[in-house]
N, C-alpha and C. Protein backbone atom coordinates (compact mmCIF):
# COMPACT_ATOMS: atom_id res chain seq x y z
N MET A 1 0.84 -1.19 0.00
CA MET A 1 0.00 0.00 0.00
C MET A 1 0.88 1.25 0.00
N PHE A 2 0.29 2.34 -0.54
CA PHE A 2 1.00 3.61 -0.66
C PHE A 2 0.05 4.73 -0.25
N THR A 3 0.58 5.96 -0.21
CA THR A 3 -0.23 7.12 0.17
C THR A 3 -0.50 8.05 -0.99
N GLY A 4 0.24 7.91 -2.09
CA GLY A 4 0.10 8.84 -3.21
C GLY A 4 0.87 10.12 -3.02
N ILE A 5 1.71 10.19 -1.99
CA ILE A 5 2.59 11.34 -1.79
C ILE A 5 3.96 10.97 -2.35
N ILE A 6 4.34 11.58 -3.46
CA ILE A 6 5.57 11.22 -4.16
C ILE A 6 6.78 11.62 -3.33
N GLU A 7 7.73 10.69 -3.19
CA GLU A 7 8.91 10.93 -2.37
C GLU A 7 10.11 11.41 -3.18
N SER A 8 10.13 11.07 -4.46
CA SER A 8 11.27 11.46 -5.29
C SER A 8 10.91 11.32 -6.76
N ILE A 9 11.59 12.11 -7.58
CA ILE A 9 11.53 11.92 -9.03
C ILE A 9 12.76 11.12 -9.43
N GLY A 10 12.54 9.97 -10.04
CA GLY A 10 13.64 9.14 -10.50
C GLY A 10 13.80 9.22 -12.01
N ASN A 11 14.79 8.52 -12.51
CA ASN A 11 15.04 8.46 -13.94
C ASN A 11 15.20 7.01 -14.38
N ILE A 12 14.57 6.66 -15.49
CA ILE A 12 14.77 5.34 -16.05
C ILE A 12 16.17 5.27 -16.65
N ARG A 13 16.98 4.37 -16.13
CA ARG A 13 18.34 4.22 -16.67
C ARG A 13 18.38 3.18 -17.77
N ALA A 14 17.59 2.11 -17.63
CA ALA A 14 17.57 1.07 -18.66
C ALA A 14 16.28 0.29 -18.59
N LEU A 15 15.83 -0.16 -19.75
CA LEU A 15 14.69 -1.08 -19.89
C LEU A 15 15.20 -2.25 -20.71
N THR A 16 15.36 -3.41 -20.07
CA THR A 16 15.99 -4.55 -20.72
C THR A 16 15.00 -5.68 -20.94
N PRO A 17 14.72 -6.04 -22.21
CA PRO A 17 13.85 -7.19 -22.47
C PRO A 17 14.41 -8.43 -21.79
N LYS A 18 13.51 -9.21 -21.16
CA LYS A 18 13.97 -10.37 -20.40
C LYS A 18 12.89 -11.45 -20.42
N GLY A 19 13.06 -12.45 -21.28
CA GLY A 19 12.14 -13.58 -21.32
C GLY A 19 10.71 -13.22 -21.65
N GLY A 20 10.49 -12.21 -22.48
CA GLY A 20 9.15 -11.83 -22.86
C GLY A 20 8.60 -10.64 -22.11
N ASP A 21 9.21 -10.29 -20.97
CA ASP A 21 8.80 -9.07 -20.30
C ASP A 21 10.01 -8.14 -20.20
N VAL A 22 10.07 -7.29 -19.18
CA VAL A 22 11.11 -6.25 -19.13
C VAL A 22 11.65 -6.11 -17.71
N ARG A 23 12.96 -5.89 -17.60
CA ARG A 23 13.55 -5.50 -16.32
C ARG A 23 13.90 -4.01 -16.41
N VAL A 24 13.42 -3.23 -15.45
CA VAL A 24 13.66 -1.80 -15.44
C VAL A 24 14.69 -1.46 -14.37
N TYR A 25 15.58 -0.54 -14.72
CA TYR A 25 16.60 -0.05 -13.79
C TYR A 25 16.31 1.43 -13.58
N VAL A 26 16.02 1.80 -12.33
CA VAL A 26 15.64 3.17 -12.00
C VAL A 26 16.67 3.80 -11.07
N GLU A 27 17.19 4.96 -11.48
CA GLU A 27 17.99 5.77 -10.56
C GLU A 27 17.02 6.58 -9.72
N THR A 28 17.18 6.53 -8.41
CA THR A 28 16.12 7.00 -7.52
C THR A 28 16.31 8.41 -6.96
N GLY A 29 17.36 9.11 -7.37
CA GLY A 29 17.52 10.49 -6.91
C GLY A 29 17.59 10.59 -5.40
N LYS A 30 16.75 11.44 -4.82
CA LYS A 30 16.80 11.70 -3.38
C LYS A 30 16.07 10.65 -2.54
N LEU A 31 15.50 9.62 -3.18
CA LEU A 31 14.78 8.60 -2.43
C LEU A 31 15.73 7.85 -1.51
N ASP A 32 15.42 7.80 -0.23
CA ASP A 32 16.26 7.11 0.75
C ASP A 32 16.07 5.60 0.63
N LEU A 33 17.13 4.91 0.20
CA LEU A 33 17.06 3.46 0.04
C LEU A 33 17.69 2.71 1.20
N SER A 34 18.07 3.43 2.27
CA SER A 34 18.78 2.79 3.38
C SER A 34 17.94 1.73 4.09
N ASP A 35 16.61 1.87 4.02
CA ASP A 35 15.73 0.91 4.69
C ASP A 35 15.06 -0.04 3.69
N VAL A 36 15.51 -0.03 2.45
CA VAL A 36 14.92 -0.88 1.41
C VAL A 36 15.74 -2.15 1.26
N LYS A 37 15.07 -3.29 1.21
CA LYS A 37 15.75 -4.56 1.00
C LYS A 37 15.12 -5.28 -0.19
N LEU A 38 15.80 -6.30 -0.68
CA LEU A 38 15.26 -7.06 -1.80
C LEU A 38 13.88 -7.61 -1.45
N GLY A 39 12.96 -7.50 -2.39
CA GLY A 39 11.60 -7.96 -2.16
C GLY A 39 10.65 -6.87 -1.72
N ASP A 40 11.18 -5.68 -1.37
CA ASP A 40 10.31 -4.58 -0.96
C ASP A 40 9.60 -3.97 -2.18
N SER A 41 8.48 -3.33 -1.91
CA SER A 41 7.68 -2.71 -2.97
C SER A 41 8.01 -1.23 -3.12
N ILE A 42 8.15 -0.79 -4.35
CA ILE A 42 8.31 0.62 -4.68
C ILE A 42 7.40 0.91 -5.88
N ALA A 43 6.67 2.02 -5.80
CA ALA A 43 5.78 2.38 -6.90
C ALA A 43 6.51 3.29 -7.89
N ILE A 44 6.43 2.92 -9.18
CA ILE A 44 6.95 3.74 -10.27
C ILE A 44 5.74 4.24 -11.06
N ASN A 45 5.52 5.56 -11.02
CA ASN A 45 4.34 6.14 -11.69
C ASN A 45 3.05 5.42 -11.28
N GLY A 46 2.99 5.06 -10.00
CA GLY A 46 1.78 4.44 -9.48
C GLY A 46 1.68 2.95 -9.68
N VAL A 47 2.71 2.35 -10.27
CA VAL A 47 2.73 0.89 -10.49
C VAL A 47 3.57 0.24 -9.41
N CYS A 48 2.96 -0.62 -8.60
CA CYS A 48 3.68 -1.30 -7.52
C CYS A 48 4.59 -2.38 -8.11
N LEU A 49 5.90 -2.25 -7.88
CA LEU A 49 6.87 -3.21 -8.38
C LEU A 49 7.76 -3.68 -7.24
N THR A 50 8.39 -4.82 -7.44
CA THR A 50 9.23 -5.44 -6.41
C THR A 50 10.70 -5.24 -6.74
N ALA A 51 11.46 -4.72 -5.78
CA ALA A 51 12.90 -4.53 -5.97
C ALA A 51 13.60 -5.89 -6.01
N VAL A 52 14.25 -6.20 -7.13
CA VAL A 52 14.94 -7.49 -7.28
C VAL A 52 16.46 -7.34 -7.27
N GLU A 53 16.94 -6.11 -7.46
CA GLU A 53 18.36 -5.80 -7.34
C GLU A 53 18.50 -4.39 -6.79
N LEU A 54 19.53 -4.17 -5.98
CA LEU A 54 19.79 -2.86 -5.38
C LEU A 54 21.25 -2.48 -5.67
N PRO A 55 21.51 -1.87 -6.84
CA PRO A 55 22.88 -1.58 -7.23
C PRO A 55 23.54 -0.41 -6.50
N GLY A 56 22.78 0.30 -5.66
CA GLY A 56 23.39 1.37 -4.87
C GLY A 56 22.76 2.73 -5.15
N ASN A 57 22.62 3.08 -6.43
CA ASN A 57 22.04 4.38 -6.78
C ASN A 57 20.59 4.26 -7.23
N GLY A 58 20.02 3.08 -7.02
CA GLY A 58 18.66 2.86 -7.46
C GLY A 58 18.24 1.43 -7.22
N PHE A 59 17.31 0.95 -8.03
CA PHE A 59 16.86 -0.42 -7.90
C PHE A 59 16.42 -0.95 -9.26
N MET A 60 16.35 -2.28 -9.35
CA MET A 60 15.83 -2.93 -10.54
C MET A 60 14.58 -3.70 -10.17
N ALA A 61 13.65 -3.77 -11.12
CA ALA A 61 12.39 -4.49 -10.90
C ALA A 61 11.97 -5.13 -12.21
N ASP A 62 11.27 -6.25 -12.10
CA ASP A 62 10.74 -6.92 -13.28
C ASP A 62 9.32 -6.44 -13.54
N VAL A 63 9.04 -6.12 -14.81
CA VAL A 63 7.72 -5.62 -15.22
C VAL A 63 7.07 -6.69 -16.08
N SER A 64 5.98 -7.26 -15.60
CA SER A 64 5.33 -8.38 -16.30
C SER A 64 4.63 -7.90 -17.57
N ARG A 65 4.31 -8.86 -18.43
CA ARG A 65 3.56 -8.56 -19.64
C ARG A 65 2.19 -7.96 -19.30
N GLU A 66 1.56 -8.47 -18.24
CA GLU A 66 0.27 -7.94 -17.80
C GLU A 66 0.38 -6.46 -17.47
N THR A 67 1.43 -6.08 -16.73
CA THR A 67 1.64 -4.68 -16.36
C THR A 67 1.92 -3.83 -17.59
N LEU A 68 2.73 -4.34 -18.50
CA LEU A 68 3.03 -3.60 -19.74
C LEU A 68 1.76 -3.35 -20.54
N ASP A 69 0.84 -4.33 -20.55
CA ASP A 69 -0.38 -4.22 -21.34
C ASP A 69 -1.41 -3.29 -20.70
N CYS A 70 -1.40 -3.18 -19.37
CA CYS A 70 -2.48 -2.48 -18.66
C CYS A 70 -2.10 -1.10 -18.13
N THR A 71 -0.87 -0.67 -18.37
CA THR A 71 -0.42 0.63 -17.88
C THR A 71 0.27 1.39 -19.02
N ALA A 72 0.75 2.59 -18.69
CA ALA A 72 1.48 3.39 -19.67
C ALA A 72 2.98 3.11 -19.60
N PHE A 73 3.35 1.97 -19.03
CA PHE A 73 4.78 1.65 -18.86
C PHE A 73 5.49 1.54 -20.21
N ASN A 74 4.77 1.11 -21.24
CA ASN A 74 5.38 0.97 -22.56
C ASN A 74 5.82 2.31 -23.14
N ASP A 75 5.31 3.42 -22.60
CA ASP A 75 5.68 4.75 -23.09
C ASP A 75 7.02 5.21 -22.53
N LEU A 76 7.50 4.54 -21.49
CA LEU A 76 8.76 4.95 -20.86
C LEU A 76 9.95 4.50 -21.70
N LYS A 77 11.03 5.27 -21.58
CA LYS A 77 12.28 4.93 -22.26
C LYS A 77 13.43 5.39 -21.39
N SER A 78 14.64 5.04 -21.77
CA SER A 78 15.81 5.47 -21.02
C SER A 78 15.83 6.99 -20.93
N GLY A 79 15.95 7.51 -19.72
CA GLY A 79 15.95 8.95 -19.50
C GLY A 79 14.61 9.50 -19.04
N SER A 80 13.54 8.71 -19.15
CA SER A 80 12.22 9.19 -18.71
C SER A 80 12.22 9.48 -17.21
N ARG A 81 11.57 10.59 -16.84
CA ARG A 81 11.39 10.90 -15.42
C ARG A 81 10.17 10.17 -14.90
N VAL A 82 10.26 9.67 -13.67
CA VAL A 82 9.17 8.90 -13.08
C VAL A 82 8.96 9.29 -11.62
N ASN A 83 7.70 9.18 -11.17
CA ASN A 83 7.37 9.38 -9.77
C ASN A 83 7.72 8.12 -8.97
N LEU A 84 8.28 8.30 -7.79
CA LEU A 84 8.65 7.17 -6.94
C LEU A 84 8.07 7.33 -5.54
N GLU A 85 7.59 6.22 -4.99
CA GLU A 85 7.15 6.18 -3.60
C GLU A 85 7.39 4.79 -3.04
N LYS A 86 8.00 4.73 -1.85
CA LYS A 86 8.16 3.45 -1.16
C LYS A 86 6.84 3.08 -0.50
N ALA A 87 6.67 1.77 -0.26
CA ALA A 87 5.45 1.30 0.41
C ALA A 87 5.35 1.93 1.80
N LEU A 88 4.11 2.19 2.24
CA LEU A 88 3.92 2.82 3.54
C LEU A 88 4.22 1.83 4.67
N THR A 89 4.50 2.38 5.83
CA THR A 89 4.73 1.59 7.05
C THR A 89 3.68 2.01 8.08
N PRO A 90 3.59 1.28 9.22
CA PRO A 90 2.61 1.66 10.24
C PRO A 90 2.80 3.08 10.80
N THR A 91 4.00 3.66 10.63
CA THR A 91 4.25 4.99 11.16
C THR A 91 4.21 6.07 10.08
N THR A 92 3.88 5.70 8.84
CA THR A 92 3.83 6.66 7.74
C THR A 92 2.65 7.62 7.91
N ARG A 93 2.87 8.90 7.68
CA ARG A 93 1.77 9.86 7.66
C ARG A 93 0.93 9.61 6.41
N LEU A 94 -0.36 9.51 6.57
CA LEU A 94 -1.25 9.29 5.43
C LEU A 94 -1.70 10.65 4.91
N GLY A 95 -0.77 11.31 4.19
CA GLY A 95 -1.05 12.66 3.71
C GLY A 95 -1.93 12.69 2.48
N GLY A 96 -1.98 11.56 1.74
CA GLY A 96 -2.82 11.52 0.54
C GLY A 96 -4.06 10.69 0.82
N HIS A 97 -4.16 9.52 0.17
CA HIS A 97 -5.22 8.56 0.47
C HIS A 97 -4.65 7.17 0.22
N LEU A 98 -5.36 6.14 0.63
CA LEU A 98 -4.86 4.78 0.46
C LEU A 98 -4.80 4.41 -1.01
N VAL A 99 -3.61 4.02 -1.45
CA VAL A 99 -3.36 3.69 -2.86
C VAL A 99 -2.78 2.28 -2.91
N SER A 100 -3.30 1.44 -3.79
CA SER A 100 -2.85 0.04 -3.84
C SER A 100 -1.64 -0.16 -4.74
N GLY A 101 -1.44 0.75 -5.71
CA GLY A 101 -0.37 0.54 -6.68
C GLY A 101 -0.78 -0.37 -7.82
N HIS A 102 -2.08 -0.66 -7.93
CA HIS A 102 -2.62 -1.48 -9.01
C HIS A 102 -3.42 -0.57 -9.94
N VAL A 103 -2.88 -0.31 -11.11
CA VAL A 103 -3.46 0.65 -12.04
C VAL A 103 -4.78 0.13 -12.60
N ASP A 104 -5.81 0.99 -12.59
CA ASP A 104 -7.13 0.60 -13.10
C ASP A 104 -7.28 0.87 -14.59
N GLY A 105 -6.52 1.80 -15.11
CA GLY A 105 -6.63 2.13 -16.52
C GLY A 105 -5.68 3.25 -16.89
N VAL A 106 -5.60 3.52 -18.18
CA VAL A 106 -4.71 4.56 -18.71
C VAL A 106 -5.56 5.71 -19.23
N GLY A 107 -5.30 6.91 -18.71
CA GLY A 107 -5.99 8.10 -19.16
C GLY A 107 -5.13 8.92 -20.11
N GLU A 108 -5.70 10.00 -20.62
CA GLU A 108 -4.98 10.87 -21.55
C GLU A 108 -5.16 12.32 -21.13
N VAL A 109 -4.06 13.06 -21.09
CA VAL A 109 -4.12 14.50 -20.81
C VAL A 109 -4.74 15.19 -22.02
N ILE A 110 -5.85 15.90 -21.80
CA ILE A 110 -6.57 16.57 -22.88
C ILE A 110 -6.15 18.03 -23.02
N SER A 111 -5.94 18.70 -21.88
CA SER A 111 -5.55 20.10 -21.95
C SER A 111 -4.73 20.49 -20.73
N ARG A 112 -4.00 21.59 -20.89
CA ARG A 112 -3.18 22.16 -19.82
C ARG A 112 -3.31 23.68 -19.93
N GLU A 113 -3.77 24.32 -18.85
CA GLU A 113 -3.97 25.77 -18.86
C GLU A 113 -3.48 26.37 -17.55
N GLU A 114 -2.94 27.58 -17.62
CA GLU A 114 -2.51 28.29 -16.43
C GLU A 114 -3.72 28.81 -15.67
N ASN A 115 -3.63 28.73 -14.35
CA ASN A 115 -4.70 29.22 -13.47
C ASN A 115 -4.00 29.90 -12.30
N ALA A 116 -3.74 31.23 -12.45
CA ALA A 116 -2.89 31.95 -11.49
C ALA A 116 -1.53 31.25 -11.43
N ARG A 117 -1.07 30.86 -10.25
CA ARG A 117 0.23 30.18 -10.17
C ARG A 117 0.12 28.68 -10.34
N ALA A 118 -1.11 28.19 -10.44
CA ALA A 118 -1.34 26.75 -10.60
C ALA A 118 -1.52 26.41 -12.07
N ILE A 119 -1.57 25.11 -12.34
CA ILE A 119 -1.85 24.61 -13.68
C ILE A 119 -3.10 23.74 -13.62
N GLU A 120 -4.01 23.99 -14.54
CA GLU A 120 -5.24 23.21 -14.60
C GLU A 120 -5.10 22.16 -15.71
N PHE A 121 -5.23 20.90 -15.34
CA PHE A 121 -5.17 19.80 -16.30
C PHE A 121 -6.56 19.20 -16.46
N ARG A 122 -6.89 18.84 -17.69
CA ARG A 122 -8.09 18.06 -17.95
C ARG A 122 -7.66 16.72 -18.50
N ILE A 123 -8.18 15.65 -17.90
CA ILE A 123 -7.75 14.29 -18.25
C ILE A 123 -8.98 13.46 -18.61
N ARG A 124 -8.86 12.67 -19.66
CA ARG A 124 -9.94 11.77 -20.05
C ARG A 124 -9.62 10.37 -19.55
N ALA A 125 -10.52 9.80 -18.77
CA ALA A 125 -10.36 8.44 -18.25
C ALA A 125 -11.05 7.46 -19.18
N PRO A 126 -10.69 6.18 -19.13
CA PRO A 126 -11.47 5.17 -19.85
C PRO A 126 -12.92 5.22 -19.38
N LYS A 127 -13.87 4.98 -20.28
CA LYS A 127 -15.28 5.11 -19.95
C LYS A 127 -15.69 4.25 -18.76
N GLU A 128 -15.08 3.05 -18.65
CA GLU A 128 -15.48 2.15 -17.57
C GLU A 128 -15.07 2.64 -16.18
N LEU A 129 -14.17 3.64 -16.12
CA LEU A 129 -13.75 4.18 -14.83
C LEU A 129 -14.52 5.42 -14.42
N ALA A 130 -15.30 6.00 -15.36
CA ALA A 130 -15.96 7.27 -15.09
C ALA A 130 -16.84 7.22 -13.84
N LYS A 131 -17.52 6.09 -13.61
CA LYS A 131 -18.46 5.99 -12.48
C LYS A 131 -17.75 6.07 -11.13
N TYR A 132 -16.44 5.85 -11.10
CA TYR A 132 -15.70 5.87 -9.84
C TYR A 132 -15.10 7.24 -9.54
N ILE A 133 -15.22 8.19 -10.46
CA ILE A 133 -14.57 9.49 -10.31
C ILE A 133 -15.60 10.53 -9.90
N ALA A 134 -15.40 11.15 -8.73
CA ALA A 134 -16.39 12.05 -8.16
C ALA A 134 -15.80 13.43 -7.91
N HIS A 135 -16.65 14.45 -8.03
CA HIS A 135 -16.25 15.82 -7.72
C HIS A 135 -15.76 15.90 -6.27
N LYS A 136 -14.56 16.42 -6.11
CA LYS A 136 -13.88 16.54 -4.81
C LYS A 136 -13.47 15.19 -4.22
N GLY A 137 -13.56 14.14 -5.02
CA GLY A 137 -13.06 12.84 -4.59
C GLY A 137 -11.57 12.71 -4.88
N SER A 138 -11.01 11.59 -4.51
CA SER A 138 -9.58 11.33 -4.71
C SER A 138 -9.35 10.46 -5.93
N ILE A 139 -8.25 10.73 -6.62
CA ILE A 139 -7.80 9.89 -7.72
C ILE A 139 -6.29 9.90 -7.74
N THR A 140 -5.71 8.82 -8.23
CA THR A 140 -4.25 8.72 -8.33
C THR A 140 -3.86 8.81 -9.79
N VAL A 141 -2.98 9.77 -10.11
CA VAL A 141 -2.49 9.95 -11.47
C VAL A 141 -0.98 9.75 -11.46
N ASP A 142 -0.51 8.70 -12.14
CA ASP A 142 0.91 8.35 -12.12
C ASP A 142 1.45 8.28 -10.70
N GLY A 143 0.62 7.74 -9.79
CA GLY A 143 1.05 7.54 -8.42
C GLY A 143 0.84 8.71 -7.49
N THR A 144 0.36 9.84 -8.01
CA THR A 144 0.17 11.04 -7.20
C THR A 144 -1.27 11.15 -6.74
N SER A 145 -1.47 11.26 -5.43
CA SER A 145 -2.81 11.43 -4.87
C SER A 145 -3.29 12.84 -5.13
N LEU A 146 -4.45 12.97 -5.82
CA LEU A 146 -4.96 14.28 -6.22
C LEU A 146 -6.45 14.38 -5.96
N THR A 147 -6.94 15.62 -5.89
CA THR A 147 -8.36 15.89 -5.68
C THR A 147 -8.99 16.31 -7.00
N VAL A 148 -10.10 15.68 -7.33
CA VAL A 148 -10.84 15.99 -8.56
C VAL A 148 -11.62 17.28 -8.35
N ASN A 149 -11.38 18.27 -9.21
CA ASN A 149 -12.05 19.56 -9.06
C ASN A 149 -13.33 19.68 -9.88
N ALA A 150 -13.44 18.89 -10.93
CA ALA A 150 -14.66 18.92 -11.75
C ALA A 150 -14.71 17.63 -12.55
N VAL A 151 -15.93 17.20 -12.87
CA VAL A 151 -16.14 15.99 -13.66
C VAL A 151 -17.15 16.29 -14.76
N ASN A 152 -16.85 15.84 -15.96
CA ASN A 152 -17.78 15.97 -17.09
C ASN A 152 -17.69 14.69 -17.90
N GLY A 153 -18.64 13.78 -17.65
CA GLY A 153 -18.57 12.49 -18.31
C GLY A 153 -17.34 11.72 -17.84
N ALA A 154 -16.53 11.28 -18.79
CA ALA A 154 -15.30 10.54 -18.46
C ALA A 154 -14.10 11.47 -18.30
N GLU A 155 -14.33 12.79 -18.41
CA GLU A 155 -13.24 13.74 -18.25
C GLU A 155 -13.30 14.39 -16.88
N PHE A 156 -12.13 14.64 -16.30
CA PHE A 156 -12.08 15.30 -15.00
C PHE A 156 -10.95 16.33 -14.99
N SER A 157 -11.08 17.30 -14.10
CA SER A 157 -10.10 18.39 -14.02
C SER A 157 -9.35 18.36 -12.70
N LEU A 158 -8.09 18.79 -12.76
CA LEU A 158 -7.21 18.86 -11.60
C LEU A 158 -6.55 20.22 -11.58
N THR A 159 -6.47 20.84 -10.41
CA THR A 159 -5.72 22.09 -10.25
C THR A 159 -4.46 21.79 -9.45
N ILE A 160 -3.32 21.94 -10.09
CA ILE A 160 -2.05 21.51 -9.50
C ILE A 160 -1.23 22.71 -9.06
N ILE A 161 -0.92 22.76 -7.77
CA ILE A 161 -0.16 23.88 -7.21
C ILE A 161 1.32 23.76 -7.55
N PRO A 162 2.08 24.87 -7.46
CA PRO A 162 3.51 24.83 -7.82
C PRO A 162 4.31 23.76 -7.09
N HIS A 163 4.03 23.53 -5.80
CA HIS A 163 4.80 22.52 -5.06
C HIS A 163 4.64 21.15 -5.69
N THR A 164 3.41 20.76 -6.03
CA THR A 164 3.18 19.45 -6.64
C THR A 164 3.84 19.37 -8.01
N LEU A 165 3.81 20.46 -8.76
CA LEU A 165 4.47 20.48 -10.07
C LEU A 165 5.97 20.23 -9.94
N SER A 166 6.59 20.80 -8.91
CA SER A 166 8.04 20.67 -8.76
C SER A 166 8.46 19.34 -8.14
N GLU A 167 7.56 18.71 -7.37
CA GLU A 167 7.91 17.49 -6.66
C GLU A 167 7.45 16.22 -7.37
N THR A 168 6.77 16.37 -8.49
CA THR A 168 6.32 15.23 -9.28
C THR A 168 6.67 15.48 -10.75
N ILE A 169 6.28 14.54 -11.60
CA ILE A 169 6.56 14.69 -13.03
C ILE A 169 5.44 15.43 -13.76
N MET A 170 4.48 16.00 -13.03
CA MET A 170 3.32 16.59 -13.68
C MET A 170 3.66 17.80 -14.54
N ASP A 171 4.77 18.47 -14.24
CA ASP A 171 5.17 19.61 -15.06
C ASP A 171 5.56 19.17 -16.47
N ASP A 172 5.81 17.87 -16.65
CA ASP A 172 6.13 17.33 -17.97
C ASP A 172 4.88 17.10 -18.82
N TYR A 173 3.70 17.12 -18.21
CA TYR A 173 2.48 16.74 -18.90
C TYR A 173 2.10 17.76 -19.98
N ARG A 174 1.78 17.23 -21.14
CA ARG A 174 1.26 18.01 -22.25
C ARG A 174 0.09 17.24 -22.87
N PRO A 175 -0.81 17.91 -23.59
CA PRO A 175 -1.92 17.19 -24.22
C PRO A 175 -1.43 16.00 -25.05
N GLY A 176 -2.12 14.88 -24.89
CA GLY A 176 -1.75 13.65 -25.59
C GLY A 176 -0.98 12.67 -24.74
N ARG A 177 -0.45 13.14 -23.62
CA ARG A 177 0.32 12.24 -22.75
C ARG A 177 -0.60 11.22 -22.09
N ARG A 178 -0.15 9.97 -22.04
CA ARG A 178 -0.90 8.91 -21.37
C ARG A 178 -0.42 8.81 -19.93
N VAL A 179 -1.38 8.61 -19.02
CA VAL A 179 -1.07 8.57 -17.59
C VAL A 179 -1.77 7.39 -16.94
N ASN A 180 -1.14 6.83 -15.90
CA ASN A 180 -1.73 5.73 -15.14
C ASN A 180 -2.76 6.28 -14.16
N LEU A 181 -3.92 5.64 -14.12
CA LEU A 181 -4.99 6.06 -13.21
C LEU A 181 -5.34 4.93 -12.25
N GLU A 182 -5.50 5.29 -10.99
CA GLU A 182 -6.07 4.36 -9.99
C GLU A 182 -7.17 5.09 -9.26
N VAL A 183 -8.38 4.54 -9.32
CA VAL A 183 -9.51 5.18 -8.65
C VAL A 183 -9.48 4.89 -7.16
N ASP A 184 -10.30 5.61 -6.42
CA ASP A 184 -10.36 5.45 -4.97
C ASP A 184 -10.80 4.03 -4.60
N LEU A 185 -10.03 3.39 -3.72
CA LEU A 185 -10.36 2.03 -3.28
C LEU A 185 -11.78 1.94 -2.72
N LEU A 186 -12.22 2.96 -1.99
CA LEU A 186 -13.54 2.93 -1.36
C LEU A 186 -14.64 2.84 -2.41
N ALA A 187 -14.45 3.50 -3.55
CA ALA A 187 -15.47 3.47 -4.60
C ALA A 187 -15.62 2.07 -5.17
N ARG A 188 -14.49 1.37 -5.33
CA ARG A 188 -14.57 0.01 -5.89
C ARG A 188 -15.24 -0.95 -4.91
N TYR A 189 -14.90 -0.85 -3.63
CA TYR A 189 -15.52 -1.74 -2.64
C TYR A 189 -16.99 -1.42 -2.44
N LEU A 190 -17.35 -0.13 -2.52
CA LEU A 190 -18.74 0.26 -2.36
C LEU A 190 -19.59 -0.36 -3.46
N GLU A 191 -19.07 -0.41 -4.68
CA GLU A 191 -19.82 -1.02 -5.78
C GLU A 191 -20.14 -2.48 -5.48
N ARG A 192 -19.16 -3.21 -4.97
CA ARG A 192 -19.39 -4.63 -4.64
C ARG A 192 -20.38 -4.77 -3.50
N LEU A 193 -20.28 -3.90 -2.49
CA LEU A 193 -21.19 -3.99 -1.35
C LEU A 193 -22.63 -3.72 -1.77
N LEU A 194 -22.82 -2.78 -2.69
CA LEU A 194 -24.17 -2.47 -3.15
C LEU A 194 -24.83 -3.66 -3.85
N LEU A 195 -24.02 -4.54 -4.42
CA LEU A 195 -24.57 -5.71 -5.11
C LEU A 195 -25.16 -6.72 -4.15
N GLY A 196 -24.69 -6.71 -2.89
CA GLY A 196 -25.20 -7.67 -1.92
C GLY A 196 -24.96 -9.10 -2.38
N ASP A 197 -25.98 -9.94 -2.29
CA ASP A 197 -25.85 -11.35 -2.68
C ASP A 197 -25.57 -11.53 -4.17
N LYS A 198 -25.94 -10.54 -4.98
CA LYS A 198 -25.72 -10.63 -6.42
C LYS A 198 -24.23 -10.59 -6.76
N ALA A 199 -23.39 -10.19 -5.81
CA ALA A 199 -21.95 -10.14 -6.06
C ALA A 199 -21.38 -11.52 -6.35
N ALA A 200 -22.06 -12.58 -5.88
CA ALA A 200 -21.60 -13.94 -6.10
C ALA A 200 -22.00 -14.49 -7.46
N GLU A 201 -22.84 -13.74 -8.17
CA GLU A 201 -23.29 -14.19 -9.47
C GLU A 201 -22.36 -13.69 -10.57
N PRO A 202 -22.00 -14.53 -11.53
CA PRO A 202 -21.12 -14.09 -12.61
C PRO A 202 -21.80 -13.03 -13.47
N THR A 203 -21.04 -12.00 -13.85
CA THR A 203 -21.56 -10.94 -14.71
C THR A 203 -20.53 -10.62 -15.78
N LYS A 204 -20.97 -9.92 -16.81
CA LYS A 204 -20.07 -9.48 -17.88
C LYS A 204 -19.66 -8.03 -17.67
N GLY A 205 -20.00 -7.47 -16.56
CA GLY A 205 -19.69 -6.07 -16.26
C GLY A 205 -20.46 -5.65 -15.03
N SER A 206 -20.40 -4.38 -14.71
CA SER A 206 -21.10 -3.89 -13.53
C SER A 206 -22.61 -3.95 -13.73
N THR A 207 -23.33 -4.38 -12.67
CA THR A 207 -24.79 -4.37 -12.73
C THR A 207 -25.36 -3.18 -11.97
N ILE A 208 -24.49 -2.30 -11.48
CA ILE A 208 -24.95 -1.11 -10.78
C ILE A 208 -25.45 -0.11 -11.81
N SER A 209 -26.73 0.23 -11.74
CA SER A 209 -27.32 1.19 -12.66
C SER A 209 -28.29 2.05 -11.86
N GLU A 210 -28.82 3.08 -12.51
CA GLU A 210 -29.78 3.95 -11.82
C GLU A 210 -31.02 3.17 -11.42
N SER A 211 -31.47 2.26 -12.30
CA SER A 211 -32.65 1.46 -11.97
C SER A 211 -32.38 0.51 -10.81
N PHE A 212 -31.16 -0.06 -10.76
CA PHE A 212 -30.78 -0.94 -9.65
C PHE A 212 -30.80 -0.17 -8.33
N LEU A 213 -30.21 1.04 -8.33
CA LEU A 213 -30.15 1.85 -7.11
C LEU A 213 -31.56 2.24 -6.66
N ALA A 214 -32.43 2.59 -7.60
CA ALA A 214 -33.80 2.97 -7.25
C ALA A 214 -34.56 1.77 -6.68
N ALA A 215 -34.40 0.60 -7.30
CA ALA A 215 -35.12 -0.60 -6.86
C ALA A 215 -34.70 -1.05 -5.47
N ASN A 216 -33.47 -0.71 -5.08
CA ASN A 216 -32.95 -1.13 -3.79
C ASN A 216 -32.94 -0.03 -2.74
N GLY A 217 -33.67 1.05 -3.04
CA GLY A 217 -33.86 2.09 -2.03
C GLY A 217 -32.75 3.10 -1.89
N TYR A 218 -31.81 3.13 -2.84
CA TYR A 218 -30.70 4.08 -2.74
C TYR A 218 -31.04 5.41 -3.40
N LEU A 219 -32.09 5.46 -4.21
CA LEU A 219 -32.54 6.69 -4.84
C LEU A 219 -33.99 6.93 -4.50
N LYS A 220 -34.35 8.20 -4.28
CA LYS A 220 -35.75 8.53 -4.02
C LYS A 220 -36.49 8.68 -5.34
N SER A 221 -37.67 8.16 -5.39
CA SER A 221 -38.47 8.25 -6.62
C SER A 221 -39.11 9.63 -6.73
């Protein structure tokens, strides 16, 4: 588990094909690795990976084919800047929100506009994630815990202050950039809870709809 508070900006030093997937070598910058051991989890752009080598100035991790297919990891190359966060501990301050490091989908930056000293980003999420994104709710973008300022269909807006721009890779974002998205854990569990006994029945997708909510007393007629 993570908090979505980025601890360091790292750099991809190498991406090496290995038996059908990839081994990534990340230089970790200011990230303190003194308490990291082999097998520990570190999130790269919101993707939870396992440290398999610790060469001193960073770490190496194996990236599975599943992860390559379901995230924006394929867009990275040698020299790419990435957000880094070590897994939380029982004494970690929970400054963001609970983040699993399991990416739900890949979004796209639609626009970037100045808003006083902040930057306003508009991001389009995959349609299947839209129901989990709420005004003033939490969302994780490339591992960064952020507050949604507006929602319009599958698109949502973020207002990013100068500190967040300087401490994450968000200042690199331009329209067309693909980003890893993880929705709020509570939203996903709430959907399952609302299903009740129907959660045990196989489905081809979510059965939560306006008619379902009305029939079960969650909406007033």
